[in-house]
PDB file of N, CA and C in Angstrom:
ATOM      1  N   UNK A   1      94.271 103.804 126.496  1.00  0.00           N
ATOM      2  CA  UNK A   1      94.165 104.175 125.101  1.00  0.00           C
ATOM      3  C   UNK A   1      94.417 105.674 124.977  1.00  0.00           C
ATOM      4  N   UNK A   2      95.004 106.093 123.875  1.00  0.00           N
ATOM      5  CA  UNK A   2      95.328 107.494 123.646  1.00  0.00           C
ATOM      6  C   UNK A   2      94.058 108.311 123.445  1.00  0.00           C
ATOM      7  N   UNK A   3      94.186 109.633 123.624  1.00  0.00           N
ATOM      8  CA  UNK A   3      93.034 110.489 123.360  1.00  0.00           C
ATOM      9  C   UNK A   3      92.751 110.493 121.861  1.00  0.00           C
ATOM     10  N   UNK A   4      91.526 110.900 121.482  1.00  0.00           N
ATOM     11  CA  UNK A   4      91.128 110.850 120.083  1.00  0.00           C
ATOM     12  C   UNK A   4      92.055 111.646 119.174  1.00  0.00           C
ATOM     13  N   UNK A   5      92.605 112.763 119.657  1.00  0.00           N
ATOM     14  CA  UNK A   5      93.493 113.564 118.822  1.00  0.00           C
ATOM     15  C   UNK A   5      94.788 112.825 118.529  1.00  0.00           C
ATOM     16  N   UNK A   6      95.125 111.856 119.346  1.00  0.00           N
ATOM     17  CA  UNK A   6      96.362 111.106 119.177  1.00  0.00           C
ATOM     18  C   UNK A   6      96.113 109.708 118.638  1.00  0.00           C
ATOM     19  N   UNK A   7      95.022 109.536 117.907  1.00  0.00           N
ATOM     20  CA  UNK A   7      94.702 108.245 117.303  1.00  0.00           C
ATOM     21  C   UNK A   7      94.394 108.429 115.828  1.00  0.00           C
ATOM     22  N   UNK A   8      94.689 107.403 115.064  1.00  0.00           N
ATOM     23  CA  UNK A   8      94.314 107.369 113.656  1.00  0.00           C
ATOM     24  C   UNK A   8      94.111 105.898 113.289  1.00  0.00           C
ATOM     25  N   UNK A   9      93.185 105.638 112.398  1.00  0.00           N
ATOM     26  CA  UNK A   9      92.796 104.271 112.067  1.00  0.00           C
ATOM     27  C   UNK A   9      93.069 103.949 110.604  1.00  0.00           C
ATOM     28  N   UNK A  10      93.490 102.719 110.351  1.00  0.00           N
ATOM     29  CA  UNK A  10      93.644 102.201 108.996  1.00  0.00           C
ATOM     30  C   UNK A  10      92.601 101.100 108.851  1.00  0.00           C
ATOM     31  N   UNK A  11      91.666 101.298 107.921  1.00  0.00           N
ATOM     32  CA  UNK A  11      90.551 100.370 107.746  1.00  0.00           C
ATOM     33  C   UNK A  11      90.496  99.865 106.304  1.00  0.00           C
ATOM     34  N   UNK A  12      90.204  98.597 106.138  1.00  0.00           N
ATOM     35  CA  UNK A  12      90.023  98.050 104.806  1.00  0.00           C
ATOM     36  C   UNK A  12      88.649  98.444 104.277  1.00  0.00           C
ATOM     37  N   UNK A  13      88.601  98.884 103.019  1.00  0.00           N
ATOM     38  CA  UNK A  13      87.334  99.270 102.396  1.00  0.00           C
ATOM     39  C   UNK A  13      86.816  98.124 101.538  1.00  0.00           C
ATOM     40  N   UNK A  14      85.531  98.172 101.198  1.00  0.00           N
ATOM     41  CA  UNK A  14      84.919  97.133 100.361  1.00  0.00           C
ATOM     42  C   UNK A  14      85.633  96.997  99.023  1.00  0.00           C
ATOM     43  N   UNK A  15      86.200  98.084  98.528  1.00  0.00           N
ATOM     44  CA  UNK A  15      86.897  98.069  97.250  1.00  0.00           C
ATOM     45  C   UNK A  15      88.232  97.330  97.317  1.00  0.00           C
ATOM     46  N   UNK A  16      88.678  96.990  98.534  1.00  0.00           N
ATOM     47  CA  UNK A  16      89.923  96.256  98.713  1.00  0.00           C
ATOM     48  C   UNK A  16      91.116  97.139  99.028  1.00  0.00           C
ATOM     49  N   UNK A  17      90.934  98.465  98.990  1.00  0.00           N
ATOM     50  CA  UNK A  17      92.020  99.357  99.372  1.00  0.00           C
ATOM     51  C   UNK A  17      91.848  99.751 100.840  1.00  0.00           C
ATOM     52  N   UNK A  18      92.670 100.680 101.321  1.00  0.00           N
ATOM     53  CA  UNK A  18      92.691 100.998 102.750  1.00  0.00           C
ATOM     54  C   UNK A  18      92.506 102.485 102.993  1.00  0.00           C
ATOM     55  N   UNK A  19      91.588 102.806 103.908  1.00  0.00           N
ATOM     56  CA  UNK A  19      91.300 104.189 104.276  1.00  0.00           C
ATOM     57  C   UNK A  19      92.058 104.546 105.544  1.00  0.00           C
ATOM     58  N   UNK A  20      92.564 105.772 105.584  1.00  0.00           N
ATOM     59  CA  UNK A  20      93.204 106.330 106.775  1.00  0.00           C
ATOM     60  C   UNK A  20      92.211 107.333 107.343  1.00  0.00           C
ATOM     61  N   UNK A  21      91.749 107.114 108.577  1.00  0.00           N
ATOM     62  CA  UNK A  21      90.703 107.953 109.176  1.00  0.00           C
ATOM     63  C   UNK A  21      91.064 108.401 110.582  1.00  0.00           C
ATOM     64  N   UNK A  22      90.548 109.559 110.916  1.00  0.00           N
ATOM     65  CA  UNK A  22      90.601 110.025 112.306  1.00  0.00           C
ATOM     66  C   UNK A  22      89.316 109.559 112.995  1.00  0.00           C
ATOM     67  N   UNK A  23      89.329 109.409 114.307  1.00  0.00           N
ATOM     68  CA  UNK A  23      88.125 108.971 115.019  1.00  0.00           C
ATOM     69  C   UNK A  23      86.946 109.912 114.762  1.00  0.00           C
ATOM     70  N   UNK A  24      85.792 109.337 114.477  1.00  0.00           N
ATOM     71  CA  UNK A  24      84.572 110.106 114.290  1.00  0.00           C
ATOM     72  C   UNK A  24      84.444 110.799 112.948  1.00  0.00           C
ATOM     73  N   UNK A  25      85.413 110.609 112.070  1.00  0.00           N
ATOM     74  CA  UNK A  25      85.343 111.291 110.774  1.00  0.00           C
ATOM     75  C   UNK A  25      84.386 110.558 109.834  1.00  0.00           C
ATOM     76  N   UNK A  26      83.737 111.317 108.959  1.00  0.00           N
ATOM     77  CA  UNK A  26      82.845 110.726 107.964  1.00  0.00           C
ATOM     78  C   UNK A  26      83.600 110.343 106.702  1.00  0.00           C
ATOM     79  N   UNK A  27      84.694 111.057 106.427  1.00  0.00           N
ATOM     80  CA  UNK A  27      85.475 110.800 105.226  1.00  0.00           C
ATOM     81  C   UNK A  27      86.898 110.421 105.605  1.00  0.00           C
ATOM     82  N   UNK A  28      87.514 109.664 104.731  1.00  0.00           N
ATOM     83  CA  UNK A  28      88.900 109.271 104.952  1.00  0.00           C
ATOM     84  C   UNK A  28      89.834 110.447 104.724  1.00  0.00           C
ATOM     85  N   UNK A  29      90.900 110.510 105.493  1.00  0.00           N
ATOM     86  CA  UNK A  29      91.941 111.516 105.267  1.00  0.00           C
ATOM     87  C   UNK A  29      92.720 111.183 104.005  1.00  0.00           C
ATOM     88  N   UNK A  30      92.837 109.887 103.712  1.00  0.00           N
ATOM     89  CA  UNK A  30      93.508 109.417 102.505  1.00  0.00           C
ATOM     90  C   UNK A  30      93.095 107.974 102.255  1.00  0.00           C
ATOM     91  N   UNK A  31      93.293 107.514 101.041  1.00  0.00           N
ATOM     92  CA  UNK A  31      93.030 106.123 100.663  1.00  0.00           C
ATOM     93  C   UNK A  31      94.272 105.617  99.959  1.00  0.00           C
ATOM     94  N   UNK A  32      94.744 104.434 100.348  1.00  0.00           N
ATOM     95  CA  UNK A  32      95.960 103.851  99.782  1.00  0.00           C
ATOM     96  C   UNK A  32      95.669 102.454  99.250  1.00  0.00           C
ATOM     97  N   UNK A  33      96.424 102.000  98.261  1.00  0.00           N
ATOM     98  CA  UNK A  33      96.156 100.691  97.660  1.00  0.00           C
ATOM     99  C   UNK A  33      96.516  99.499  98.545  1.00  0.00           C
ATOM    100  N   UNK A  34      97.472  99.683  99.470  1.00  0.00           N
ATOM    101  CA  UNK A  34      97.886  98.579 100.336  1.00  0.00           C
ATOM    102  C   UNK A  34      97.831  98.997 101.804  1.00  0.00           C
ATOM    103  N   UNK A  35      97.748  98.000 102.672  1.00  0.00           N
ATOM    104  CA  UNK A  35      97.744  98.271 104.104  1.00  0.00           C
ATOM    105  C   UNK A  35      99.077  98.901 104.519  1.00  0.00           C
ATOM    106  N   UNK A  36     100.156  98.415 103.972  1.00  0.00           N
ATOM    107  CA  UNK A  36     101.479  98.955 104.299  1.00  0.00           C
ATOM    108  C   UNK A  36     101.573 100.440 103.942  1.00  0.00           C
ATOM    109  N   UNK A  37     101.100 100.808 102.758  1.00  0.00           N
ATOM    110  CA  UNK A  37     101.123 102.211 102.337  1.00  0.00           C
ATOM    111  C   UNK A  37     100.217 103.065 103.230  1.00  0.00           C
ATOM    112  N   UNK A  38      99.079 102.510 103.638  1.00  0.00           N
ATOM    113  CA  UNK A  38      98.153 103.246 104.500  1.00  0.00           C
ATOM    114  C   UNK A  38      98.751 103.478 105.887  1.00  0.00           C
ATOM    115  N   UNK A  39      99.465 102.498 106.416  1.00  0.00           N
ATOM    116  CA  UNK A  39     100.117 102.654 107.717  1.00  0.00           C
ATOM    117  C   UNK A  39     101.181 103.749 107.635  1.00  0.00           C
ATOM    118  N   UNK A  40     101.950 103.733 106.565  1.00  0.00           N
ATOM    119  CA  UNK A  40     102.972 104.773 106.374  1.00  0.00           C
ATOM    120  C   UNK A  40     102.319 106.147 106.263  1.00  0.00           C
ATOM    121  N   UNK A  41     101.248 106.242 105.495  1.00  0.00           N
ATOM    122  CA  UNK A  41     100.546 107.517 105.311  1.00  0.00           C
ATOM    123  C   UNK A  41      99.941 108.011 106.626  1.00  0.00           C
ATOM    124  N   UNK A  42      99.405 107.099 107.432  1.00  0.00           N
ATOM    125  CA  UNK A  42      98.840 107.467 108.734  1.00  0.00           C
ATOM    126  C   UNK A  42      99.913 108.115 109.608  1.00  0.00           C
ATOM    127  N   UNK A  43     101.126 107.586 109.562  1.00  0.00           N
ATOM    128  CA  UNK A  43     102.227 108.168 110.320  1.00  0.00           C
ATOM    129  C   UNK A  43     102.609 109.555 109.824  1.00  0.00           C
ATOM    130  N   UNK A  44     102.457 109.780 108.520  1.00  0.00           N
ATOM    131  CA  UNK A  44     102.746 111.097 107.953  1.00  0.00           C
ATOM    132  C   UNK A  44     101.657 112.106 108.327  1.00  0.00           C
ATOM    133  N   UNK A  45     100.412 111.672 108.302  1.00  0.00           N
ATOM    134  CA  UNK A  45      99.287 112.552 108.607  1.00  0.00           C
ATOM    135  C   UNK A  45      99.266 112.940 110.073  1.00  0.00           C
ATOM    136  N   UNK A  46      99.548 111.982 110.939  1.00  0.00           N
ATOM    137  CA  UNK A  46      99.468 112.211 112.383  1.00  0.00           C
ATOM    138  C   UNK A  46     100.715 111.672 113.079  1.00  0.00           C
ATOM    139  N   UNK A  47     101.840 112.385 112.948  1.00  0.00           N
ATOM    140  CA  UNK A  47     103.076 111.917 113.594  1.00  0.00           C
ATOM    141  C   UNK A  47     102.885 111.767 115.105  1.00  0.00           C
ATOM    142  N   UNK A  48     103.339 110.678 115.637  1.00  0.00           N
ATOM    143  CA  UNK A  48     103.252 110.443 117.075  1.00  0.00           C
ATOM    144  C   UNK A  48     101.911 109.899 117.545  1.00  0.00           C
ATOM    145  N   UNK A  49     100.935 109.811 116.658  1.00  0.00           N
ATOM    146  CA  UNK A  49      99.614 109.294 117.040  1.00  0.00           C
ATOM    147  C   UNK A  49      99.655 107.768 117.141  1.00  0.00           C
ATOM    148  N   UNK A  50      98.759 107.226 117.950  1.00  0.00           N
ATOM    149  CA  UNK A  50      98.592 105.772 118.014  1.00  0.00           C
ATOM    150  C   UNK A  50      97.865 105.341 116.738  1.00  0.00           C
ATOM    151  N   UNK A  51      98.484 104.433 116.000  1.00  0.00           N
ATOM    152  CA  UNK A  51      97.877 103.939 114.758  1.00  0.00           C
ATOM    153  C   UNK A  51      97.207 102.604 115.061  1.00  0.00           C
ATOM    154  N   UNK A  52      95.920 102.521 114.751  1.00  0.00           N
ATOM    155  CA  UNK A  52      95.160 101.291 114.946  1.00  0.00           C
ATOM    156  C   UNK A  52      94.844 100.721 113.573  1.00  0.00           C
ATOM    157  N   UNK A  53      95.230  99.463 113.361  1.00  0.00           N
ATOM    158  CA  UNK A  53      95.074  98.837 112.055  1.00  0.00           C
ATOM    159  C   UNK A  53      94.026  97.746 112.157  1.00  0.00           C
ATOM    160  N   UNK A  54      93.053  97.788 111.249  1.00  0.00           N
ATOM    161  CA  UNK A  54      92.014  96.766 111.225  1.00  0.00           C
ATOM    162  C   UNK A  54      92.638  95.427 110.830  1.00  0.00           C
ATOM    163  N   UNK A  55      92.366  94.410 111.618  1.00  0.00           N
ATOM    164  CA  UNK A  55      92.855  93.071 111.307  1.00  0.00           C
ATOM    165  C   UNK A  55      91.995  92.524 110.169  1.00  0.00           C
ATOM    166  N   UNK A  56      92.606  92.052 109.096  1.00  0.00           N
ATOM    167  CA  UNK A  56      91.858  91.625 107.921  1.00  0.00           C
ATOM    168  C   UNK A  56      91.855  90.116 107.708  1.00  0.00           C
ATOM    169  N   UNK A  57      92.422  89.381 108.641  1.00  0.00           N
ATOM    170  CA  UNK A  57      92.395  87.915 108.530  1.00  0.00           C
ATOM    171  C   UNK A  57      92.460  87.295 109.918  1.00  0.00           C
ATOM    172  N   UNK A  58      92.138  86.035 110.006  1.00  0.00           N
ATOM    173  CA  UNK A  58      92.217  85.318 111.272  1.00  0.00           C
ATOM    174  C   UNK A  58      93.669  84.959 111.574  1.00  0.00           C
ATOM    175  N   UNK A  59      94.071  85.190 112.821  1.00  0.00           N
ATOM    176  CA  UNK A  59      95.409  84.806 113.267  1.00  0.00           C
ATOM    177  C   UNK A  59      95.291  84.234 114.672  1.00  0.00           C
ATOM    178  N   UNK A  60      96.395  83.748 115.193  1.00  0.00           N
ATOM    179  CA  UNK A  60      96.397  83.263 116.575  1.00  0.00           C
ATOM    180  C   UNK A  60      96.140  84.404 117.558  1.00  0.00           C
ATOM    181  N   UNK A  61      96.454  85.627 117.140  1.00  0.00           N
ATOM    182  CA  UNK A  61      96.326  86.788 118.023  1.00  0.00           C
ATOM    183  C   UNK A  61      94.959  87.459 117.950  1.00  0.00           C
ATOM    184  N   UNK A  62      94.152  87.133 116.962  1.00  0.00           N
ATOM    185  CA  UNK A  62      92.854  87.779 116.879  1.00  0.00           C
ATOM    186  C   UNK A  62      92.126  87.508 115.582  1.00  0.00           C
ATOM    187  N   UNK A  63      90.910  87.963 115.541  1.00  0.00           N
ATOM    188  CA  UNK A  63      90.039  87.781 114.381  1.00  0.00           C
ATOM    189  C   UNK A  63      89.895  89.104 113.640  1.00  0.00           C
ATOM    190  N   UNK A  64      89.294  89.107 112.447  1.00  0.00           N
ATOM    191  CA  UNK A  64      89.208  90.330 111.655  1.00  0.00           C
ATOM    192  C   UNK A  64      88.464  91.496 112.325  1.00  0.00           C
ATOM    193  N   UNK A  65      87.645  91.255 113.320  1.00  0.00           N
ATOM    194  CA  UNK A  65      86.933  92.363 113.951  1.00  0.00           C
ATOM    195  C   UNK A  65      87.750  93.049 115.058  1.00  0.00           C
ATOM    196  N   UNK A  66      89.003  92.713 115.179  1.00  0.00           N
ATOM    197  CA  UNK A  66      89.885  93.282 116.208  1.00  0.00           C
ATOM    198  C   UNK A  66      90.864  94.257 115.570  1.00  0.00           C
ATOM    199  N   UNK A  67      91.380  95.193 116.364  1.00  0.00           N
ATOM    200  CA  UNK A  67      92.383  96.144 115.902  1.00  0.00           C
ATOM    201  C   UNK A  67      93.747  95.686 116.367  1.00  0.00           C
ATOM    202  N   UNK A  68      94.769  96.038 115.623  1.00  0.00           N
ATOM    203  CA  UNK A  68      96.133  95.698 116.007  1.00  0.00           C
ATOM    204  C   UNK A  68      97.018  96.923 115.826  1.00  0.00           C
ATOM    205  N   UNK A  69      98.191  96.869 116.411  1.00  0.00           N
ATOM    206  CA  UNK A  69      99.189  97.911 116.196  1.00  0.00           C
ATOM    207  C   UNK A  69      99.966  97.548 114.935  1.00  0.00           C
ATOM    208  N   UNK A  70     100.486  98.557 114.233  1.00  0.00           N
ATOM    209  CA  UNK A  70     101.230  98.258 112.997  1.00  0.00           C
ATOM    210  C   UNK A  70     102.537  97.539 113.281  1.00  0.00           C
TER     211      UNK A  70
END
């Protein structure tokens, strides 16, 4: 796994939108209305960083409590 400086997370919020966060942060760097927009914004905020996206539904590859790559 990449070091914390080279990671950024896209998480679904209770409001239904998506937060872009750095590891250990208390506040989001940005909030976007869709997961797609949040992934794009994460790439703009931290170019070259590993983007971890919260899985929001059940799939053959994992459950909602797992992270995935964009």
